[in-house]
Amino acid sequence: MSRHPQDPNAHDRNAHDRNARGRGARGRNAEEAGAGGTGARARWGRDPVVTGRRHGDRVVRWTHGDLTVRKDFAGPTQAAPAWAGRVLVVEALDDTPYTPTDNAVVYEADGTEPVRLAPPRDPVAEPSWVFGFSTAHLDARGRPVLVAATQVGDFWGHPDLESGTIVDVQEWC
């Protein structure tokens, strides 16, 4: 297993264990996480918990308090981390050449879709070289990290939910 600090294999197990115990990851700050706010986490006091999901499933389910949400997808899902009262689902990549895919969607705990995320196209010379997101996980600080696949290598960054873009983009080494 890689020892890279952003390696999804290094953090997925810990993030899953935290979510399975119902404690979830912390957001960037207390307000984003819902502490004292009006967000989903504040209403039920914890993050959503993704249940029974395996890599490649076409269905993602999560619970949040007494609520159970089910989302069906046309293709296999690549990742579904929960954090700060939200669930991030990375859908299957479209393997059609030169077809960039905006294949990551953020859901509120109640299942509403506030934003679909676009992969970064600036790091490569030709925007059509971007395939889309290959995976997502929570970093050591509990923030979501998305990995974008391109013809010239992979890049990672954090989602900006206001703009639907990825920020702090860096090459995945």
Protein backbone atom coordinates (compact mmCIF):
# COMPACT_ATOMS: atom_id res chain seq x y z
CA MET A 1 0.00 0.00 0.00
CA SER A 2 1.26 3.45 -0.88
CA ARG A 3 2.32 5.79 1.90
CA HIS A 4 1.28 8.90 -0.08
CA PRO A 5 -0.76 11.19 2.26
CA GLN A 6 -3.60 11.43 -0.26
CA ASP A 7 -3.68 7.70 -1.14
CA PRO A 8 -7.33 6.58 -0.98
CA ASN A 9 -6.28 3.16 0.29
CA ALA A 10 -4.51 4.76 3.24
CA HIS A 11 -7.63 6.62 4.42
CA ASP A 12 -10.72 4.79 3.14
CA ARG A 13 -10.62 2.16 5.88
CA ASN A 14 -10.43 4.76 8.65
CA ALA A 15 -13.12 6.95 7.08
CA HIS A 16 -15.41 3.93 6.69
CA ASP A 17 -14.86 2.93 10.32
CA ARG A 18 -15.68 6.46 11.55
CA ASN A 19 -18.83 6.57 9.41
CA ALA A 20 -19.92 3.08 10.42
CA ARG A 21 -19.81 4.13 14.06
CA GLY A 22 -22.03 7.11 13.24
CA ARG A 23 -19.45 9.75 14.14
CA GLY A 24 -18.51 10.69 10.59
CA ALA A 25 -15.83 13.12 9.50
CA ARG A 26 -15.60 16.74 10.47
CA GLY A 27 -16.17 19.53 7.94
CA ARG A 28 -13.84 22.46 7.35
CA ASN A 29 -15.31 24.36 10.26
CA ALA A 30 -18.07 23.97 12.83
CA GLU A 31 -20.65 25.84 10.78
CA GLU A 32 -20.05 23.73 7.66
CA ALA A 33 -20.28 20.58 9.77
CA GLY A 34 -23.64 21.73 11.08
CA ALA A 35 -22.71 22.42 14.70
CA GLY A 36 -25.10 25.12 15.78
CA GLY A 37 -26.30 25.57 12.21
CA THR A 38 -29.43 24.56 10.37
CA GLY A 39 -27.77 21.84 8.26
CA ALA A 40 -28.71 18.16 8.18
CA ARG A 41 -26.00 17.25 10.65
CA ALA A 42 -27.33 19.77 13.16
CA ARG A 43 -30.88 18.39 12.85
CA TRP A 44 -29.91 14.81 13.63
CA GLY A 45 -26.58 15.35 15.39
CA ARG A 46 -24.37 13.22 13.11
CA ASP A 47 -23.26 12.65 9.54
CA PRO A 48 -25.09 10.34 7.13
CA VAL A 49 -23.85 6.74 7.12
CA VAL A 50 -23.44 4.98 3.76
CA THR A 51 -24.66 1.40 4.25
CA GLY A 52 -23.86 -1.86 2.49
CA ARG A 53 -22.01 -0.28 -0.42
CA ARG A 54 -19.29 -2.05 -2.39
CA HIS A 55 -17.14 -0.63 -5.18
CA GLY A 56 -19.07 -1.01 -8.43
CA ASP A 57 -22.57 -1.07 -6.94
CA ARG A 58 -25.24 0.72 -8.99
CA VAL A 59 -27.18 1.66 -5.85
CA VAL A 60 -25.96 3.85 -2.98
CA ARG A 61 -27.94 3.90 0.28
CA TRP A 62 -27.39 5.94 3.37
CA THR A 63 -29.12 6.53 6.65
CA HIS A 64 -29.42 9.76 8.53
CA GLY A 65 -31.39 9.65 11.75
CA ASP A 66 -34.66 7.89 10.90
CA LEU A 67 -34.29 8.67 7.18
CA THR A 68 -33.04 6.11 4.64
CA VAL A 69 -32.07 7.40 1.18
CA ARG A 70 -31.55 5.26 -1.93
CA LYS A 71 -29.99 6.53 -5.16
CA ASP A 72 -29.84 4.38 -8.31
CA PHE A 73 -27.21 4.97 -10.99
CA ALA A 74 -26.95 3.88 -14.64
CA GLY A 75 -23.43 2.52 -14.14
CA PRO A 76 -21.24 1.26 -11.33
CA THR A 77 -20.31 3.79 -8.64
CA GLN A 78 -16.66 4.33 -7.80
CA ALA A 79 -16.87 5.89 -4.31
CA ALA A 80 -19.36 7.27 -1.79
CA PRO A 81 -17.80 9.00 1.23
CA ALA A 82 -20.02 10.86 3.73
CA TRP A 83 -18.95 14.04 5.54
CA ALA A 84 -20.42 17.17 7.10
CA GLY A 85 -24.05 16.16 6.52
CA ARG A 86 -23.44 15.24 2.87
CA VAL A 87 -22.69 12.24 0.67
CA LEU A 88 -20.37 12.48 -2.35
CA VAL A 89 -20.95 9.86 -5.05
CA VAL A 90 -18.50 9.27 -7.89
CA GLU A 91 -20.37 7.67 -10.78
CA ALA A 92 -18.83 5.50 -13.49
CA LEU A 93 -16.49 7.14 -15.99
CA ASP A 94 -17.68 7.39 -19.58
CA ASP A 95 -14.99 5.51 -21.51
CA THR A 96 -15.97 7.06 -24.86
CA PRO A 97 -12.88 8.87 -26.19
CA TYR A 98 -12.88 12.66 -25.78
CA THR A 99 -15.99 12.67 -23.62
CA PRO A 100 -15.13 14.39 -20.31
CA THR A 101 -17.52 13.32 -17.61
CA ASP A 102 -18.91 15.44 -14.76
CA ASN A 103 -19.41 12.23 -12.82
CA ALA A 104 -19.34 13.35 -9.18
CA VAL A 105 -22.43 14.53 -7.38
CA VAL A 106 -22.92 15.85 -3.85
CA TYR A 107 -26.14 15.01 -2.01
CA GLU A 108 -27.47 16.50 1.17
CA ALA A 109 -28.32 13.90 3.83
CA ASP A 110 -32.00 14.07 2.80
CA GLY A 111 -31.13 13.06 -0.79
CA THR A 112 -31.42 16.44 -2.49
CA GLU A 113 -28.71 17.24 -5.03
CA PRO A 114 -27.22 20.69 -4.46
CA VAL A 115 -24.28 20.39 -6.88
CA ARG A 116 -22.66 18.25 -9.56
CA LEU A 117 -18.88 18.61 -9.65
CA ALA A 118 -16.81 19.20 -12.80
CA PRO A 119 -13.32 17.70 -12.97
CA PRO A 120 -10.45 20.18 -13.35
CA ARG A 121 -9.51 20.73 -16.98
CA ASP A 122 -6.80 23.37 -16.45
CA PRO A 123 -3.93 21.03 -15.45
CA VAL A 124 -3.70 19.49 -18.94
CA ALA A 125 -2.91 21.07 -22.31
CA GLU A 126 -6.10 19.82 -23.95
CA PRO A 127 -9.37 19.82 -21.95
CA SER A 128 -10.62 16.78 -23.92
CA TRP A 129 -7.85 14.72 -22.27
CA VAL A 130 -9.80 14.78 -18.98
CA PHE A 131 -11.84 11.61 -18.46
CA GLY A 132 -13.57 12.53 -15.19
CA PHE A 133 -13.30 11.46 -11.57
CA SER A 134 -11.96 8.00 -10.79
CA THR A 135 -12.49 7.98 -7.01
CA ALA A 136 -13.00 10.04 -3.85
CA HIS A 137 -12.09 9.63 -0.21
CA LEU A 138 -11.73 11.68 2.97
CA ASP A 139 -8.31 13.07 3.82
CA ALA A 140 -6.75 12.98 7.28
CA ARG A 141 -8.64 16.20 8.20
CA GLY A 142 -12.00 14.71 7.12
CA ARG A 143 -12.28 16.76 3.91
CA PRO A 144 -13.35 15.10 0.67
CA VAL A 145 -10.63 14.55 -1.93
CA LEU A 146 -11.49 13.75 -5.54
CA VAL A 147 -9.09 12.15 -8.02
CA ALA A 148 -9.50 13.13 -11.69
CA ALA A 149 -8.20 10.81 -14.41
CA THR A 150 -6.61 12.28 -17.55
CA GLN A 151 -4.63 10.98 -20.52
CA VAL A 152 -1.44 12.46 -19.03
CA GLY A 153 -1.82 11.44 -15.38
CA ASP A 154 -4.12 11.88 -12.44
CA PHE A 155 -4.82 15.02 -10.38
CA TRP A 156 -6.50 15.50 -7.02
CA GLY A 157 -8.15 18.34 -5.16
CA HIS A 158 -10.95 19.35 -2.81
CA PRO A 159 -14.47 20.27 -3.95
CA ASP A 160 -15.73 23.84 -3.84
CA LEU A 161 -19.46 23.33 -3.34
CA GLU A 162 -20.29 26.94 -4.22
CA SER A 163 -18.78 26.80 -7.72
CA GLY A 164 -19.00 23.05 -8.40
CA THR A 165 -15.29 22.94 -9.18
CA ILE A 166 -12.20 21.37 -7.66
CA VAL A 167 -9.69 23.59 -5.88
CA ASP A 168 -6.16 23.05 -4.54
CA VAL A 169 -5.52 20.86 -7.61
CA GLN A 170 -2.25 18.92 -7.48
CA GLU A 171 -0.68 16.13 -9.49
CA TRP A 172 -1.29 12.67 -8.03
CA CYS A 173 2.14 11.08 -7.64
